[in-house]
N, C-alpha and C. Protein backbone atom coordinates (compact mmCIF):
# COMPACT_ATOMS: atom_id res chain seq x y z
N MET A 1 -26.71 -16.67 -21.39
CA MET A 1 -25.96 -17.71 -20.67
C MET A 1 -24.51 -17.71 -21.10
N MET A 2 -24.23 -17.60 -22.40
CA MET A 2 -22.85 -17.58 -22.89
C MET A 2 -22.09 -16.37 -22.37
N LEU A 3 -22.78 -15.20 -22.31
CA LEU A 3 -22.14 -14.02 -21.80
C LEU A 3 -21.74 -14.14 -20.34
N LYS A 4 -22.63 -14.80 -19.58
CA LYS A 4 -22.29 -15.03 -18.16
C LYS A 4 -21.06 -15.92 -18.00
N LYS A 5 -20.93 -16.90 -18.85
CA LYS A 5 -19.78 -17.83 -18.77
C LYS A 5 -18.47 -17.07 -19.13
N ILE A 6 -18.60 -16.19 -20.17
CA ILE A 6 -17.45 -15.42 -20.59
C ILE A 6 -17.00 -14.45 -19.47
N ASN A 7 -17.99 -13.84 -18.84
CA ASN A 7 -17.78 -12.88 -17.76
C ASN A 7 -17.04 -13.62 -16.63
N MET A 8 -17.55 -14.78 -16.24
CA MET A 8 -16.95 -15.58 -15.14
C MET A 8 -15.54 -15.96 -15.48
N LEU A 9 -15.28 -16.37 -16.73
CA LEU A 9 -13.92 -16.71 -17.18
C LEU A 9 -13.00 -15.50 -17.08
N LEU A 10 -13.47 -14.35 -17.52
CA LEU A 10 -12.65 -13.15 -17.45
C LEU A 10 -12.32 -12.82 -15.97
N MET A 11 -13.29 -12.93 -15.11
CA MET A 11 -13.06 -12.62 -13.67
C MET A 11 -12.05 -13.59 -13.08
N LYS A 12 -12.14 -14.86 -13.46
CA LYS A 12 -11.17 -15.84 -12.97
C LYS A 12 -9.74 -15.53 -13.47
N MET A 13 -9.62 -15.12 -14.77
CA MET A 13 -8.34 -14.79 -15.34
C MET A 13 -7.77 -13.55 -14.67
N MET A 14 -8.60 -12.53 -14.38
CA MET A 14 -8.10 -11.33 -13.67
C MET A 14 -7.61 -11.72 -12.28
N ALA A 15 -8.32 -12.55 -11.60
CA ALA A 15 -7.95 -12.95 -10.24
C ALA A 15 -6.58 -13.71 -10.31
N MET A 16 -6.37 -14.47 -11.30
CA MET A 16 -5.10 -15.21 -11.46
C MET A 16 -3.95 -14.28 -11.77
N MET A 17 -4.24 -13.17 -12.48
CA MET A 17 -3.21 -12.28 -12.89
C MET A 17 -2.85 -11.19 -11.86
N THR A 18 -3.65 -11.06 -10.80
CA THR A 18 -3.39 -9.98 -9.84
C THR A 18 -2.96 -10.69 -8.55
N PRO A 19 -2.34 -9.91 -7.64
CA PRO A 19 -1.92 -10.50 -6.35
C PRO A 19 -3.10 -10.96 -5.51
N SER A 20 -2.81 -11.63 -4.43
CA SER A 20 -3.87 -12.19 -3.57
C SER A 20 -4.61 -11.07 -2.84
N CYS A 21 -5.71 -11.44 -2.22
CA CYS A 21 -6.48 -10.45 -1.46
C CYS A 21 -5.70 -9.86 -0.29
N ASP A 22 -4.82 -10.61 0.32
CA ASP A 22 -3.99 -10.10 1.38
C ASP A 22 -3.10 -8.94 0.89
N VAL A 23 -2.47 -9.16 -0.26
CA VAL A 23 -1.67 -8.13 -0.82
C VAL A 23 -2.46 -6.92 -1.21
N ILE A 24 -3.57 -7.15 -1.84
CA ILE A 24 -4.42 -6.03 -2.33
C ILE A 24 -4.94 -5.20 -1.17
N THR A 25 -5.42 -5.84 -0.09
CA THR A 25 -5.94 -5.07 1.04
C THR A 25 -4.81 -4.28 1.70
N ARG A 26 -3.64 -4.85 1.77
CA ARG A 26 -2.48 -4.12 2.30
C ARG A 26 -2.21 -2.90 1.43
N ARG A 27 -2.22 -3.07 0.11
CA ARG A 27 -2.00 -1.92 -0.77
C ARG A 27 -3.07 -0.87 -0.66
N ILE A 28 -4.30 -1.32 -0.50
CA ILE A 28 -5.39 -0.34 -0.33
C ILE A 28 -5.15 0.49 0.95
N SER A 29 -4.75 -0.16 2.01
CA SER A 29 -4.45 0.55 3.22
C SER A 29 -3.23 1.52 3.05
N GLU A 30 -2.22 1.05 2.35
CA GLU A 30 -0.99 1.79 2.16
C GLU A 30 -1.28 3.04 1.27
N SER A 31 -2.29 2.93 0.47
CA SER A 31 -2.63 4.06 -0.43
C SER A 31 -3.00 5.35 0.33
N TYR A 32 -3.39 5.20 1.59
CA TYR A 32 -3.71 6.36 2.43
C TYR A 32 -2.47 6.93 3.12
N ASP A 33 -1.35 6.16 3.05
CA ASP A 33 -0.13 6.61 3.70
C ASP A 33 0.92 7.11 2.70
N ARG A 34 0.84 6.60 1.47
CA ARG A 34 1.80 7.00 0.44
C ARG A 34 1.16 6.91 -0.93
N LYS A 35 1.85 7.59 -1.90
CA LYS A 35 1.38 7.49 -3.28
C LYS A 35 1.86 6.19 -3.85
N LEU A 36 0.92 5.40 -4.34
CA LEU A 36 1.22 4.13 -4.94
C LEU A 36 1.76 4.27 -6.38
N ALA A 37 2.59 3.35 -6.78
CA ALA A 37 3.03 3.35 -8.16
C ALA A 37 1.84 2.95 -9.05
N PHE A 38 1.98 3.36 -10.29
CA PHE A 38 0.92 3.09 -11.26
C PHE A 38 0.58 1.60 -11.31
N ARG A 39 1.56 0.78 -11.27
CA ARG A 39 1.34 -0.70 -11.34
C ARG A 39 0.54 -1.19 -10.12
N GLU A 40 0.84 -0.62 -8.94
CA GLU A 40 0.13 -1.02 -7.73
C GLU A 40 -1.36 -0.58 -7.82
N ARG A 41 -1.54 0.68 -8.28
CA ARG A 41 -2.93 1.16 -8.40
C ARG A 41 -3.69 0.36 -9.43
N LEU A 42 -3.04 -0.02 -10.52
CA LEU A 42 -3.67 -0.82 -11.57
C LEU A 42 -4.06 -2.22 -11.04
N SER A 43 -3.12 -2.80 -10.28
CA SER A 43 -3.42 -4.14 -9.75
C SER A 43 -4.60 -4.09 -8.75
N ILE A 44 -4.73 -3.05 -7.98
CA ILE A 44 -5.93 -2.87 -7.12
C ILE A 44 -7.16 -2.75 -7.94
N ARG A 45 -7.11 -1.92 -8.96
CA ARG A 45 -8.32 -1.72 -9.79
C ARG A 45 -8.76 -2.96 -10.49
N ILE A 46 -7.80 -3.69 -11.07
CA ILE A 46 -8.13 -4.92 -11.73
C ILE A 46 -8.68 -5.98 -10.79
N HIS A 47 -8.03 -6.10 -9.65
CA HIS A 47 -8.45 -7.09 -8.64
C HIS A 47 -9.86 -6.76 -8.15
N THR A 48 -10.13 -5.49 -7.80
CA THR A 48 -11.41 -5.11 -7.25
C THR A 48 -12.57 -5.23 -8.25
N LEU A 49 -12.24 -5.27 -9.58
CA LEU A 49 -13.29 -5.48 -10.58
C LEU A 49 -13.87 -6.87 -10.42
N GLY A 50 -13.04 -7.83 -9.98
CA GLY A 50 -13.55 -9.19 -9.88
C GLY A 50 -13.68 -9.71 -8.49
N CYS A 51 -13.28 -8.93 -7.48
CA CYS A 51 -13.35 -9.36 -6.09
C CYS A 51 -14.24 -8.48 -5.29
N VAL A 52 -15.42 -8.97 -4.99
CA VAL A 52 -16.41 -8.18 -4.27
C VAL A 52 -15.96 -7.82 -2.87
N LEU A 53 -15.28 -8.72 -2.22
CA LEU A 53 -14.83 -8.45 -0.85
C LEU A 53 -13.78 -7.37 -0.75
N CYS A 54 -12.82 -7.40 -1.67
CA CYS A 54 -11.79 -6.38 -1.65
C CYS A 54 -12.39 -5.01 -2.04
N GLU A 55 -13.33 -5.02 -2.93
CA GLU A 55 -13.99 -3.78 -3.32
C GLU A 55 -14.80 -3.21 -2.11
N ARG A 56 -15.42 -4.09 -1.38
CA ARG A 56 -16.19 -3.64 -0.22
C ARG A 56 -15.18 -3.08 0.85
N TYR A 57 -14.05 -3.74 1.05
CA TYR A 57 -13.02 -3.25 1.98
C TYR A 57 -12.52 -1.87 1.52
N ARG A 58 -12.31 -1.69 0.23
CA ARG A 58 -11.85 -0.38 -0.30
C ARG A 58 -12.83 0.67 -0.02
N ARG A 59 -14.11 0.39 -0.27
CA ARG A 59 -15.19 1.40 -0.05
C ARG A 59 -15.34 1.74 1.43
N GLN A 60 -15.24 0.70 2.30
CA GLN A 60 -15.38 0.93 3.73
C GLN A 60 -14.21 1.75 4.28
N LEU A 61 -13.02 1.46 3.82
CA LEU A 61 -11.85 2.24 4.24
C LEU A 61 -11.96 3.66 3.76
N MET A 62 -12.43 3.84 2.54
CA MET A 62 -12.61 5.19 2.02
C MET A 62 -13.62 5.99 2.86
N ALA A 63 -14.68 5.34 3.25
CA ALA A 63 -15.74 5.98 4.07
C ALA A 63 -15.16 6.36 5.48
N LEU A 64 -14.39 5.46 6.07
CA LEU A 64 -13.80 5.79 7.33
C LEU A 64 -12.83 6.93 7.23
N HIS A 65 -12.02 6.95 6.17
CA HIS A 65 -11.07 8.05 5.94
C HIS A 65 -11.76 9.36 5.77
N ARG A 66 -12.87 9.40 5.03
CA ARG A 66 -13.61 10.66 4.88
C ARG A 66 -14.16 11.13 6.20
N MET A 67 -14.72 10.17 6.99
CA MET A 67 -15.29 10.59 8.27
C MET A 67 -14.23 11.16 9.19
N LEU A 68 -13.10 10.52 9.26
CA LEU A 68 -11.98 11.01 10.08
C LEU A 68 -11.49 12.39 9.64
N GLN A 69 -11.45 12.60 8.34
CA GLN A 69 -11.06 13.92 7.85
C GLN A 69 -12.09 14.96 8.22
N LYS A 70 -13.33 14.61 8.10
CA LYS A 70 -14.41 15.56 8.33
C LYS A 70 -14.46 15.92 9.80
N TYR A 71 -14.22 14.98 10.70
CA TYR A 71 -14.39 15.26 12.15
C TYR A 71 -13.07 15.49 12.88
N SER A 72 -11.94 15.48 12.16
CA SER A 72 -10.64 15.60 12.85
C SER A 72 -10.50 16.91 13.56
N GLY A 73 -11.00 18.01 12.97
CA GLY A 73 -10.97 19.33 13.62
C GLY A 73 -11.74 19.33 14.91
N GLU A 74 -12.90 18.72 14.91
CA GLU A 74 -13.71 18.61 16.10
C GLU A 74 -13.06 17.80 17.20
N ILE A 75 -12.40 16.70 16.78
CA ILE A 75 -11.71 15.86 17.73
C ILE A 75 -10.55 16.60 18.36
N ASP A 76 -9.83 17.38 17.55
CA ASP A 76 -8.68 18.17 18.07
C ASP A 76 -9.22 19.20 19.12
N ALA A 77 -10.35 19.81 18.81
CA ALA A 77 -10.88 20.83 19.67
C ALA A 77 -11.33 20.17 21.00
N LEU A 78 -11.90 19.00 20.93
CA LEU A 78 -12.32 18.28 22.15
C LEU A 78 -11.10 17.92 22.97
N ALA A 79 -10.04 17.52 22.31
CA ALA A 79 -8.81 17.12 23.01
C ALA A 79 -8.18 18.31 23.78
N GLU A 80 -8.29 19.47 23.20
CA GLU A 80 -7.80 20.68 23.89
C GLU A 80 -8.64 21.00 25.13
N ASP A 81 -9.91 20.70 25.03
CA ASP A 81 -10.79 20.97 26.21
C ASP A 81 -10.50 20.09 27.39
N VAL A 82 -10.02 18.87 27.13
CA VAL A 82 -9.80 17.93 28.22
C VAL A 82 -8.29 17.81 28.54
N ALA A 83 -7.56 18.85 28.25
CA ALA A 83 -6.09 18.84 28.57
C ALA A 83 -5.94 18.75 30.08
N LEU A 84 -4.90 18.06 30.43
CA LEU A 84 -4.61 17.86 31.85
C LEU A 84 -4.08 19.18 32.47
N PRO A 85 -4.45 19.45 33.70
CA PRO A 85 -3.90 20.58 34.39
C PRO A 85 -2.39 20.41 34.61
N GLN A 86 -1.65 21.52 34.70
CA GLN A 86 -0.19 21.46 34.82
C GLN A 86 0.23 20.63 36.07
N GLU A 87 -0.50 20.80 37.17
CA GLU A 87 -0.19 20.07 38.37
C GLU A 87 -0.28 18.59 38.19
N THR A 88 -1.25 18.07 37.46
CA THR A 88 -1.41 16.67 37.13
C THR A 88 -0.27 16.16 36.29
N LYS A 89 0.13 16.97 35.27
CA LYS A 89 1.22 16.61 34.41
C LYS A 89 2.52 16.46 35.21
N GLU A 90 2.72 17.39 36.16
CA GLU A 90 3.97 17.30 36.97
C GLU A 90 3.94 16.06 37.86
N ARG A 91 2.80 15.75 38.44
CA ARG A 91 2.69 14.54 39.28
C ARG A 91 2.97 13.27 38.44
N LEU A 92 2.42 13.23 37.21
CA LEU A 92 2.70 12.08 36.33
C LEU A 92 4.17 11.95 35.95
N LYS A 93 4.78 13.10 35.67
CA LYS A 93 6.22 13.09 35.32
C LYS A 93 7.06 12.55 36.48
N LYS A 94 6.67 12.99 37.72
CA LYS A 94 7.40 12.56 38.89
C LYS A 94 7.21 11.07 39.09
N LYS A 95 6.00 10.53 38.94
CA LYS A 95 5.78 9.12 39.13
C LYS A 95 6.58 8.30 38.04
N LEU A 96 6.58 8.78 36.80
CA LEU A 96 7.33 8.08 35.76
C LEU A 96 8.79 8.09 36.01
N HIS A 97 9.30 9.16 36.51
CA HIS A 97 10.69 9.28 36.82
C HIS A 97 11.09 8.34 37.95
N GLU A 98 10.22 8.27 39.01
CA GLU A 98 10.44 7.40 40.16
C GLU A 98 10.43 5.95 39.75
N SER A 99 9.59 5.57 38.79
CA SER A 99 9.42 4.15 38.43
C SER A 99 10.51 3.65 37.45
N SER A 100 11.29 4.57 36.89
CA SER A 100 12.30 4.13 35.94
C SER A 100 13.67 4.05 36.54
């Protein structure tokens, strides 16, 4: 029982010392676009130790990222298969030019 209280107190202290969930989830997302500073990575790690929802968000985003990487080649190949014919491209260009 005492250990549980100590654990809860530590989790509350960590939550108070790290940024809000909004900031943390934004940083988690940014981590896929740029290399985060050590302090930013540390704040994510500390926050997610005590915040189940942010940890779940991190894991879900990681899973999505892995799936996109795994299937990106297949998606590119499919996109090439459905390329518009040159005649259609010309018609679209003409319509865009006329409407501007």
